[in-house]
Amino acid sequence: MSDTATVRTLGGAPRLWAEFLLIFLALPLVMAFAMSPDIMWSALTGVTIGSVLLLFFTPGFCWRSLIEGRLVADWRFALLFVVGTSAIAGALVLWLAPWRLLSLPLNATDLWIRVMILYPFLSALPQEIVYRVLFFERYGHLFPNVRIAILINAFCFGLAHLFFMNWPALILTTMGGLIFAWAYARKRSFGFACLLHALGGQIIFTSGLGIYFYHGAA
């Protein structure tokens, strides 16, 4: 994945590393330790807008590429993901907060329906633009191969959820990041990455683990 010519075209490795560390390391730490939850949603929106602008100035990137891959690039894996995520989420709820099992669909059905409808568009989609498209298309050339890039991407995705300040959120998002990065980088499908991300989030909130993924306005 290392491409000296591409890195040079993008402004050189020092500049790219500076951007990368600012977006994927410094910003999550500031969000976790120095930012009020009241402005968290505005910050996340700003990051998404900034990522879109950076992609417009990324040579070789074409927005059309985001709709070229198959939405379900691997049916068997998608089914396995849904079953596995449901099992893990259910087990964690029963272990950590059994009284929360299916609490959202059972006790707040209207809210649950809104979450199911809006989560793919307001949460999964913008996160995939930042953590998969921007990460791989602009900064992927900094890493020696795609395997290392996927591992680092998973770490960064988990770090982005540090502001929730609980270990279930960190572990689940890191695991999810590994899968979503694989879907984007290996299966070459933005749609598949978004689909898996959306399904994962919907399962999390349906199961009752949503209490670990809520932080004020965010």
Protein backbone atom coordinates (compact mmCIF):
# COMPACT_ATOMS: atom_id res chain seq x y z
CA MET A 1 0.00 0.00 0.00
CA SER A 2 3.06 2.23 0.30
CA ASP A 3 3.31 4.53 -2.73
CA THR A 4 6.05 7.17 -2.63
CA ALA A 5 4.76 8.98 -5.70
CA THR A 6 1.24 9.22 -4.31
CA VAL A 7 2.49 10.46 -0.95
CA ARG A 8 4.55 13.12 -2.73
CA THR A 9 1.50 14.18 -4.73
CA LEU A 10 -0.48 14.57 -1.50
CA GLY A 11 2.09 16.96 -0.08
CA GLY A 12 4.70 14.64 1.37
CA ALA A 13 4.81 12.19 4.25
CA PRO A 14 5.42 14.77 7.04
CA ARG A 15 2.31 16.72 6.08
CA LEU A 16 0.19 13.58 5.78
CA TRP A 17 1.41 12.23 9.10
CA ALA A 18 0.62 15.56 10.74
CA GLU A 19 -2.93 15.47 9.34
CA PHE A 20 -3.34 11.83 10.29
CA LEU A 21 -2.17 12.28 13.88
CA LEU A 22 -4.34 15.38 14.31
CA ILE A 23 -7.52 13.73 13.03
CA PHE A 24 -7.16 10.18 14.30
CA LEU A 25 -5.14 10.62 17.51
CA ALA A 26 -5.19 14.16 18.89
CA LEU A 27 -8.83 14.93 18.16
CA PRO A 28 -10.24 11.78 19.82
CA LEU A 29 -8.14 12.50 22.91
CA VAL A 30 -9.39 16.10 23.05
CA MET A 31 -12.96 14.88 22.62
CA ALA A 32 -12.49 12.39 25.46
CA PHE A 33 -10.73 14.57 28.00
CA ALA A 34 -11.24 18.24 27.16
CA MET A 35 -14.55 18.64 25.35
CA SER A 36 -17.99 19.13 26.81
CA PRO A 37 -20.66 16.58 25.81
CA ASP A 38 -22.87 19.56 24.91
CA ILE A 39 -20.78 20.33 21.83
CA MET A 40 -19.88 16.76 20.95
CA TRP A 41 -22.39 16.46 18.12
CA SER A 42 -21.18 19.72 16.58
CA ALA A 43 -17.59 18.48 16.77
CA LEU A 44 -18.46 15.19 15.08
CA THR A 45 -20.33 17.04 12.34
CA GLY A 46 -17.33 19.32 11.84
CA VAL A 47 -14.99 16.35 11.50
CA THR A 48 -17.23 14.82 8.85
CA ILE A 49 -17.40 18.05 6.86
CA GLY A 50 -13.64 18.48 7.14
CA SER A 51 -13.11 14.93 5.93
CA VAL A 52 -15.30 15.52 2.90
CA LEU A 53 -13.31 18.64 2.04
CA LEU A 54 -10.01 16.77 2.38
CA LEU A 55 -11.30 14.06 0.07
CA PHE A 56 -12.11 16.69 -2.56
CA PHE A 57 -8.43 17.64 -2.48
CA THR A 58 -7.15 14.06 -2.55
CA PRO A 59 -5.72 13.30 -6.01
CA GLY A 60 -6.99 10.07 -7.52
CA PHE A 61 -10.07 9.81 -5.31
CA CYS A 62 -13.42 9.66 -7.09
CA TRP A 63 -16.72 9.87 -5.24
CA ARG A 64 -18.24 7.53 -7.78
CA SER A 65 -16.05 4.76 -6.39
CA LEU A 66 -18.24 4.71 -3.28
CA ILE A 67 -21.18 3.29 -5.22
CA GLU A 68 -19.24 0.88 -7.42
CA GLY A 69 -18.82 -1.97 -4.95
CA ARG A 70 -21.61 -4.45 -4.22
CA LEU A 71 -23.80 -3.52 -1.26
CA VAL A 72 -23.61 -7.09 0.05
CA ALA A 73 -20.16 -8.17 -1.08
CA ASP A 74 -20.33 -11.42 0.90
CA TRP A 75 -23.72 -12.79 1.94
CA ARG A 76 -22.29 -15.54 4.13
CA PHE A 77 -20.11 -13.11 6.04
CA ALA A 78 -23.00 -10.67 6.44
CA LEU A 79 -25.18 -13.42 7.93
CA LEU A 80 -22.35 -14.59 10.17
CA PHE A 81 -21.80 -11.00 11.30
CA VAL A 82 -25.45 -10.52 12.24
CA VAL A 83 -25.61 -13.82 14.14
CA GLY A 84 -22.26 -13.31 15.85
CA THR A 85 -22.93 -9.69 16.80
CA SER A 86 -26.36 -10.59 18.15
CA ALA A 87 -24.89 -13.40 20.25
CA ILE A 88 -22.09 -11.22 21.64
CA ALA A 89 -24.42 -8.30 22.35
CA GLY A 90 -26.97 -10.54 24.04
CA ALA A 91 -24.33 -12.21 26.18
CA LEU A 92 -22.86 -8.86 27.24
CA VAL A 93 -26.25 -7.47 28.19
CA LEU A 94 -27.08 -10.55 30.26
CA TRP A 95 -23.71 -10.26 31.99
CA LEU A 96 -23.48 -6.50 32.54
CA ALA A 97 -27.06 -5.23 32.68
CA PRO A 98 -29.66 -8.02 32.30
CA TRP A 99 -32.50 -5.63 33.17
CA ARG A 100 -31.66 -3.74 29.96
CA LEU A 101 -32.20 -6.73 27.62
CA LEU A 102 -34.40 -5.53 24.74
CA SER A 103 -35.45 -2.55 26.89
CA LEU A 104 -35.48 -0.06 24.01
CA PRO A 105 -37.83 -1.92 21.61
CA LEU A 106 -40.03 -3.12 24.48
CA ASN A 107 -40.27 0.07 26.56
CA ALA A 108 -39.62 2.87 24.06
CA THR A 109 -40.78 1.47 20.75
CA ASP A 110 -41.13 4.84 19.00
CA LEU A 111 -37.59 5.83 19.95
CA TRP A 112 -36.28 2.42 18.90
CA ILE A 113 -37.90 2.77 15.47
CA ARG A 114 -36.32 6.22 15.02
CA VAL A 115 -32.93 4.84 15.99
CA MET A 116 -33.30 1.95 13.54
CA ILE A 117 -34.18 4.34 10.72
CA LEU A 118 -31.77 7.18 11.44
CA TYR A 119 -28.68 5.37 12.72
CA PRO A 120 -27.48 4.17 9.28
CA PHE A 121 -27.60 7.72 7.87
CA LEU A 122 -26.71 9.96 10.82
CA SER A 123 -24.10 7.75 12.48
CA ALA A 124 -22.82 4.85 10.37
CA LEU A 125 -22.52 6.74 7.07
CA PRO A 126 -20.54 9.78 8.33
CA GLN A 127 -18.29 7.57 10.45
CA GLU A 128 -17.51 5.40 7.44
CA ILE A 129 -16.60 8.47 5.39
CA VAL A 130 -14.11 9.57 8.05
CA TYR A 131 -12.73 6.24 9.24
CA ARG A 132 -12.77 4.20 6.07
CA VAL A 133 -12.82 6.49 3.03
CA LEU A 134 -10.62 9.32 4.33
CA PHE A 135 -8.35 6.95 6.25
CA PHE A 136 -7.61 4.60 3.35
CA GLU A 137 -7.82 6.96 0.39
CA ARG A 138 -5.74 9.80 1.81
CA TYR A 139 -3.56 8.17 4.48
CA GLY A 140 -3.49 4.50 3.49
CA HIS A 141 -0.34 5.11 1.44
CA LEU A 142 1.58 5.84 4.65
CA PHE A 143 1.45 2.19 5.73
CA PRO A 144 3.56 -0.65 4.32
CA ASN A 145 0.61 -2.93 3.50
CA VAL A 146 -3.15 -3.15 3.75
CA ARG A 147 -3.07 -5.60 6.68
CA ILE A 148 -1.23 -3.11 8.88
CA ALA A 149 -3.52 -0.32 7.68
CA ILE A 150 -6.59 -2.35 8.69
CA LEU A 151 -5.17 -3.04 12.17
CA ILE A 152 -4.31 0.62 12.72
CA ASN A 153 -7.71 1.63 11.41
CA ALA A 154 -9.41 -0.62 13.97
CA PHE A 155 -7.33 0.91 16.76
CA CYS A 156 -8.19 4.44 15.61
CA PHE A 157 -11.87 3.60 15.36
CA GLY A 158 -11.89 2.28 18.90
CA LEU A 159 -10.00 5.36 20.10
CA ALA A 160 -12.65 7.57 18.51
CA HIS A 161 -15.13 6.12 21.02
CA LEU A 162 -12.95 6.74 24.07
CA PHE A 163 -15.19 9.65 25.09
CA PHE A 164 -17.87 7.13 26.10
CA MET A 165 -15.46 6.16 28.91
CA ASN A 166 -16.38 2.49 29.22
CA TRP A 167 -14.66 -0.69 28.13
CA PRO A 168 -17.60 -2.34 26.28
CA ALA A 169 -17.73 0.60 23.85
CA LEU A 170 -13.97 0.51 23.29
CA ILE A 171 -13.77 -3.24 22.71
CA LEU A 172 -16.87 -3.49 20.52
CA THR A 173 -15.92 -0.52 18.33
CA THR A 174 -12.37 -1.80 17.90
CA MET A 175 -13.71 -5.20 16.83
CA GLY A 176 -16.23 -3.50 14.59
CA GLY A 177 -13.55 -1.26 13.12
CA LEU A 178 -11.53 -4.32 12.15
CA ILE A 179 -14.51 -5.77 10.28
CA PHE A 180 -15.60 -2.52 8.63
CA ALA A 181 -12.04 -1.77 7.53
CA TRP A 182 -11.78 -5.27 6.04
CA ALA A 183 -15.05 -4.74 4.16
CA TYR A 184 -13.82 -1.48 2.69
CA ALA A 185 -10.18 -2.32 2.01
CA ARG A 186 -10.41 -5.99 1.09
CA LYS A 187 -13.89 -6.23 -0.43
CA ARG A 188 -13.58 -2.75 -1.95
CA SER A 189 -17.13 -1.85 -1.00
CA PHE A 190 -18.06 1.31 0.86
CA GLY A 191 -21.67 0.17 0.79
CA PHE A 192 -20.80 -3.14 2.45
CA ALA A 193 -18.84 -1.37 5.19
CA CYS A 194 -21.77 0.98 5.81
CA LEU A 195 -24.24 -1.91 5.82
CA LEU A 196 -22.26 -3.91 8.39
CA HIS A 197 -21.75 -0.80 10.51
CA ALA A 198 -25.46 0.01 10.40
CA LEU A 199 -26.47 -3.54 11.28
CA GLY A 200 -23.97 -3.63 14.13
CA GLY A 201 -25.28 -0.40 15.60
CA GLN A 202 -28.90 -1.46 15.25
CA ILE A 203 -28.15 -4.74 17.02
CA ILE A 204 -26.31 -2.92 19.81
CA PHE A 205 -29.20 -0.55 20.49
CA THR A 206 -31.83 -3.26 20.16
CA SER A 207 -30.05 -5.60 22.57
CA GLY A 208 -29.79 -3.05 25.37
CA LEU A 209 -26.10 -2.18 25.04
CA GLY A 210 -27.04 1.28 23.83
CA ILE A 211 -26.47 2.57 27.36
CA TYR A 212 -22.74 2.22 26.69
CA PHE A 213 -22.98 4.22 23.44
CA TYR A 214 -24.80 7.30 24.62
CA HIS A 215 -23.04 10.44 25.80
CA GLY A 216 -25.25 13.49 26.16
CA ALA A 217 -25.93 15.19 22.84
CA ALA A 218 -23.90 12.60 20.94
